[in-house]
Amino acid sequence: MRTPFAPPALVLTSVLASIVGTASANVMYIDLGHPERQSNPLTFNNLTNETQSIANAIDENGLHTGMSIDITEPFFTIGAPSQLGSEAPTGIAAQFGADATDDYLFGHTGPFAGEDDNSLSTIEFGNLDANTIYSFTIFASRSGVNDNREAQYDFTGANNATGLLNASNNDSEVLILAGLLADDSGTITLDISAGPNNDNGNGFYYLGAIRIDTRPVPSPGSLALLTTGGLFITRRKR
């Protein structure tokens, strides 16, 4: 009898689950966007064009984790960020809530609104634990548009992972990049830029919310699988 085909995302999920075991995960949420549309500060870390650095990030229970979060290469900085994202997130994206999905930080390719080329934005996650595996869930949305505003998200640490997400009219799709390890300095860097399918005239790219899951590093044999290149999973609407 023919063995049923397993979609790549399910295969990667199964592999990752077997590697990390059943240890309870620590979860963190980050809301990026407008200073007047922030998520609950008791459970979320809020980054805006005014607050671009968090020295000691909290988890979903409000407990400090020691992780630092810094925007080292800024997004668009002239004026307050827009609130034109999803007002009604669904599916996996619903976990963030509308306060996180409606607003966003964004960048652009080439000059825009008095600002020079802003084709790359960077966030640095620091003070990370060498004995921890980090997984990132990315959400971005820009409503009321009819072009492709895909962004590319590149994570670099002891291993790397890359994924794409189109923010155009997005209410439910997320990008999950799993199995990241910090480099020798305890850092994972996220670079955001316009994706290869982005056909917007300004090359607009977006970042609205991030979820970070952490788990203990597994045995050395399983760890070798992770360091050959970050496992990545993209979940999309059916």
Protein backbone atom coordinates (compact mmCIF):
# COMPACT_ATOMS: atom_id res chain seq x y z
CA MET A 1 0.00 0.00 0.00
CA ARG A 2 1.30 3.46 -0.89
CA THR A 3 2.44 5.55 2.06
CA PRO A 4 0.40 8.77 2.35
CA PHE A 5 2.29 11.91 1.40
CA ALA A 6 3.10 14.25 4.30
CA PRO A 7 3.31 17.96 3.42
CA PRO A 8 6.76 19.48 4.09
CA ALA A 9 5.44 21.69 6.90
CA LEU A 10 4.07 18.63 8.71
CA VAL A 11 7.32 16.74 8.23
CA LEU A 12 9.34 19.62 9.69
CA THR A 13 6.90 19.94 12.58
CA SER A 14 7.28 16.25 13.39
CA VAL A 15 11.07 16.42 13.19
CA LEU A 16 11.22 19.46 15.43
CA ALA A 17 8.86 17.88 17.95
CA SER A 18 11.02 14.76 18.16
CA ILE A 19 14.11 16.90 18.69
CA VAL A 20 12.87 19.17 21.45
CA GLY A 21 10.75 16.64 23.30
CA THR A 22 7.87 17.64 25.55
CA ALA A 23 9.50 20.27 27.78
CA SER A 24 7.21 23.25 28.39
CA ALA A 25 7.92 26.24 26.17
CA ASN A 26 8.41 29.83 27.22
CA VAL A 27 6.39 32.23 25.04
CA MET A 28 7.03 35.92 24.34
CA TYR A 29 5.00 38.40 22.27
CA ILE A 30 6.20 41.57 20.52
CA ASP A 31 3.90 44.26 19.10
CA LEU A 32 5.57 46.58 16.57
CA GLY A 33 3.88 49.76 15.45
CA HIS A 34 2.07 52.90 16.56
CA PRO A 35 2.81 54.30 20.05
CA GLU A 36 -0.92 54.92 20.56
CA ARG A 37 -1.97 51.38 19.54
CA GLN A 38 0.01 49.17 21.87
CA SER A 39 -0.82 45.74 23.23
CA ASN A 40 -1.18 44.97 26.94
CA PRO A 41 2.23 45.88 28.46
CA LEU A 42 1.77 43.18 31.11
CA THR A 43 1.95 40.45 28.48
CA PHE A 44 3.47 42.11 25.38
CA ASN A 45 6.73 43.83 24.54
CA ASN A 46 5.90 46.98 22.55
CA LEU A 47 8.33 48.41 19.99
CA THR A 48 7.46 51.68 18.23
CA ASN A 49 9.27 54.35 16.26
CA GLU A 50 9.76 56.04 19.65
CA THR A 51 10.68 52.95 21.69
CA GLN A 52 13.24 51.05 19.64
CA SER A 53 14.96 49.13 22.42
CA ILE A 54 13.87 46.85 25.28
CA ALA A 55 16.56 45.92 27.79
CA ASN A 56 14.78 43.07 29.57
CA ALA A 57 11.86 41.60 27.63
CA ILE A 58 8.94 39.91 29.38
CA ASP A 59 7.20 36.63 28.59
CA GLU A 60 3.44 36.14 28.23
CA ASN A 61 3.13 35.95 32.02
CA GLY A 62 4.88 39.26 32.56
CA LEU A 63 8.08 37.67 33.86
CA HIS A 64 11.41 39.15 32.79
CA THR A 65 13.49 36.92 30.53
CA GLY A 66 16.78 38.81 30.30
CA MET A 67 16.44 39.03 26.50
CA SER A 68 17.20 42.40 24.93
CA ILE A 69 15.47 43.55 21.75
CA ASP A 70 16.98 46.37 19.69
CA ILE A 71 16.07 47.89 16.33
CA THR A 72 19.58 48.46 15.04
CA GLU A 73 18.66 49.39 11.45
CA PRO A 74 15.48 51.46 11.62
CA PHE A 75 12.23 51.18 9.75
CA PHE A 76 10.58 54.30 8.27
CA THR A 77 10.98 56.96 10.95
CA ILE A 78 9.24 60.11 9.66
CA GLY A 79 5.91 60.49 11.47
CA ALA A 80 3.98 57.89 13.43
CA PRO A 81 3.56 54.38 11.97
CA SER A 82 0.26 53.66 10.23
CA GLN A 83 -2.68 51.65 11.55
CA LEU A 84 -3.83 50.06 8.32
CA GLY A 85 -3.28 46.39 9.12
CA SER A 86 -5.74 43.67 10.07
CA GLU A 87 -8.55 44.69 12.42
CA ALA A 88 -9.87 41.13 12.59
CA PRO A 89 -7.03 38.57 12.70
CA THR A 90 -8.14 34.97 12.30
CA GLY A 91 -6.63 31.49 12.54
CA ILE A 92 -3.10 31.36 13.92
CA ALA A 93 -2.82 35.15 13.65
CA ALA A 94 -5.72 35.66 16.09
CA GLN A 95 -3.37 34.97 19.02
CA PHE A 96 -1.82 38.42 18.57
CA GLY A 97 -5.05 40.42 18.85
CA ALA A 98 -6.08 43.47 16.80
CA ASP A 99 -3.96 45.87 18.85
CA ALA A 100 -0.89 44.08 17.48
CA THR A 101 -2.09 43.25 13.96
CA ASP A 102 -3.65 46.61 13.04
CA ASP A 103 -0.44 48.66 13.30
CA TYR A 104 3.06 47.93 12.04
CA LEU A 105 6.52 49.21 11.29
CA PHE A 106 7.48 49.37 7.61
CA GLY A 107 10.36 50.04 5.26
CA HIS A 108 10.73 50.85 1.58
CA THR A 109 13.10 50.51 -1.36
CA GLY A 110 14.30 53.86 -2.69
CA PRO A 111 13.33 57.37 -1.46
CA PHE A 112 9.87 57.82 0.09
CA ALA A 113 8.18 60.80 1.81
CA GLY A 114 11.41 62.68 2.40
CA GLU A 115 13.40 59.68 3.60
CA ASP A 116 16.25 58.13 1.66
CA ASP A 117 16.49 54.45 0.76
CA ASN A 118 15.29 52.27 3.63
CA SER A 119 15.55 48.90 1.96
CA LEU A 120 16.74 46.94 5.02
CA SER A 121 15.57 47.01 8.64
CA THR A 122 17.23 44.98 11.39
CA ILE A 123 16.22 43.76 14.83
CA GLU A 124 18.76 42.23 17.18
CA PHE A 125 17.75 39.79 19.92
CA GLY A 126 20.50 39.71 22.54
CA ASN A 127 21.51 38.14 25.85
CA LEU A 128 20.24 34.81 24.58
CA ASP A 129 20.90 31.45 26.20
CA ALA A 130 23.27 29.10 24.38
CA ASN A 131 21.26 26.15 25.75
CA THR A 132 17.96 27.32 24.23
CA ILE A 133 16.24 26.81 20.87
CA TYR A 134 14.29 29.82 19.58
CA SER A 135 11.33 29.70 17.22
CA PHE A 136 9.78 32.82 15.68
CA THR A 137 6.22 33.37 14.42
CA ILE A 138 5.95 36.45 12.19
CA PHE A 139 2.80 38.39 11.28
CA ALA A 140 2.42 41.39 8.96
CA SER A 141 -0.63 42.99 7.37
CA ARG A 142 -1.48 45.96 5.12
CA SER A 143 -5.16 46.19 4.26
CA GLY A 144 -6.90 47.83 1.29
CA VAL A 145 -4.21 47.22 -1.32
CA ASN A 146 -4.15 45.27 -4.59
CA ASP A 147 -0.43 44.62 -5.13
CA ASN A 148 2.10 42.18 -3.68
CA ARG A 149 3.87 43.53 -0.59
CA GLU A 150 5.89 40.47 0.25
CA ALA A 151 8.72 40.77 2.76
CA GLN A 152 11.73 38.55 3.27
CA TYR A 153 12.74 37.71 6.84
CA ASP A 154 16.33 36.51 7.34
CA PHE A 155 17.41 35.18 10.74
CA THR A 156 21.12 34.78 11.51
CA GLY A 157 22.61 33.17 14.62
CA ALA A 158 24.59 29.99 15.05
CA ASN A 159 22.37 28.78 12.21
CA ASN A 160 20.22 30.61 9.67
CA ALA A 161 16.62 30.61 8.45
CA THR A 162 14.78 32.58 5.76
CA GLY A 163 11.11 32.95 4.90
CA LEU A 164 8.62 35.09 2.95
CA LEU A 165 5.25 36.58 3.89
CA ASN A 166 2.96 38.81 1.82
CA ALA A 167 1.29 41.45 4.03
CA SER A 168 -1.29 42.50 1.42
CA ASN A 169 -4.80 42.13 2.90
CA ASN A 170 -3.51 39.50 5.29
CA ASP A 171 -5.72 38.46 8.21
CA SER A 172 -4.54 34.94 8.96
CA GLU A 173 -1.21 33.93 7.40
CA VAL A 174 1.92 33.74 9.53
CA LEU A 175 5.49 32.72 8.89
CA ILE A 176 7.07 30.29 11.37
CA LEU A 177 10.85 29.91 11.44
CA ALA A 178 11.83 27.26 13.96
CA GLY A 179 15.01 25.84 15.43
CA LEU A 180 17.18 28.97 15.70
CA LEU A 181 20.25 29.05 17.95
CA ALA A 182 22.11 32.11 19.24
CA ASP A 183 25.62 32.80 17.97
CA ASP A 184 28.69 32.92 20.22
CA SER A 185 27.82 36.44 21.38
CA GLY A 186 24.33 35.33 22.46
CA THR A 187 22.59 37.03 19.54
CA ILE A 188 20.07 36.25 16.81
CA THR A 189 19.67 38.94 14.14
CA LEU A 190 16.55 39.48 12.00
CA ASP A 191 16.88 41.38 8.70
CA ILE A 192 13.67 42.47 6.95
CA SER A 193 13.52 43.59 3.33
CA ALA A 194 11.24 43.50 0.30
CA GLY A 195 10.73 39.94 -0.97
CA PRO A 196 11.50 38.74 -4.50
CA ASN A 197 7.79 38.78 -5.46
CA ASN A 198 7.15 42.28 -4.10
CA ASP A 199 5.80 44.41 -6.98
CA ASN A 200 4.87 47.54 -5.03
CA GLY A 201 6.32 50.70 -6.57
CA ASN A 202 7.99 51.67 -3.30
CA GLY A 203 8.94 48.15 -2.29
CA PHE A 204 7.00 48.50 0.97
CA TYR A 205 7.65 45.71 3.50
CA TYR A 206 6.07 45.28 6.94
CA LEU A 207 6.42 43.76 10.39
CA GLY A 208 3.48 43.86 12.80
CA ALA A 209 3.92 41.19 15.47
CA ILE A 210 6.29 38.45 16.59
CA ARG A 211 5.86 35.43 18.84
CA ILE A 212 9.00 33.79 20.24
CA ASP A 213 8.92 30.24 21.62
CA THR A 214 11.87 28.83 23.55
CA ARG A 215 12.83 25.27 24.46
CA PRO A 216 15.93 23.63 25.93
CA VAL A 217 18.66 22.49 23.55
CA PRO A 218 18.37 18.71 22.97
CA SER A 219 21.09 16.08 22.98
CA PRO A 220 24.24 16.72 20.87
CA GLY A 221 23.16 14.27 18.19
CA SER A 222 19.84 16.02 17.62
CA LEU A 223 21.46 19.44 17.86
CA ALA A 224 23.59 18.64 14.79
CA LEU A 225 20.40 18.49 12.71
CA LEU A 226 19.51 22.04 13.72
CA THR A 227 22.94 23.57 13.09
CA THR A 228 23.05 22.33 9.49
CA GLY A 229 20.52 25.08 8.71
CA GLY A 230 17.43 26.43 10.46
CA LEU A 231 14.29 24.39 10.07
CA PHE A 232 11.57 26.61 8.71
CA ILE A 233 7.83 26.23 8.39
CA THR A 234 5.43 28.46 6.48
CA ARG A 235 1.75 28.19 7.31
CA ARG A 236 -0.71 29.61 4.85
CA LYS A 237 -4.45 29.71 4.37
CA ARG A 238 -5.96 26.81 2.52
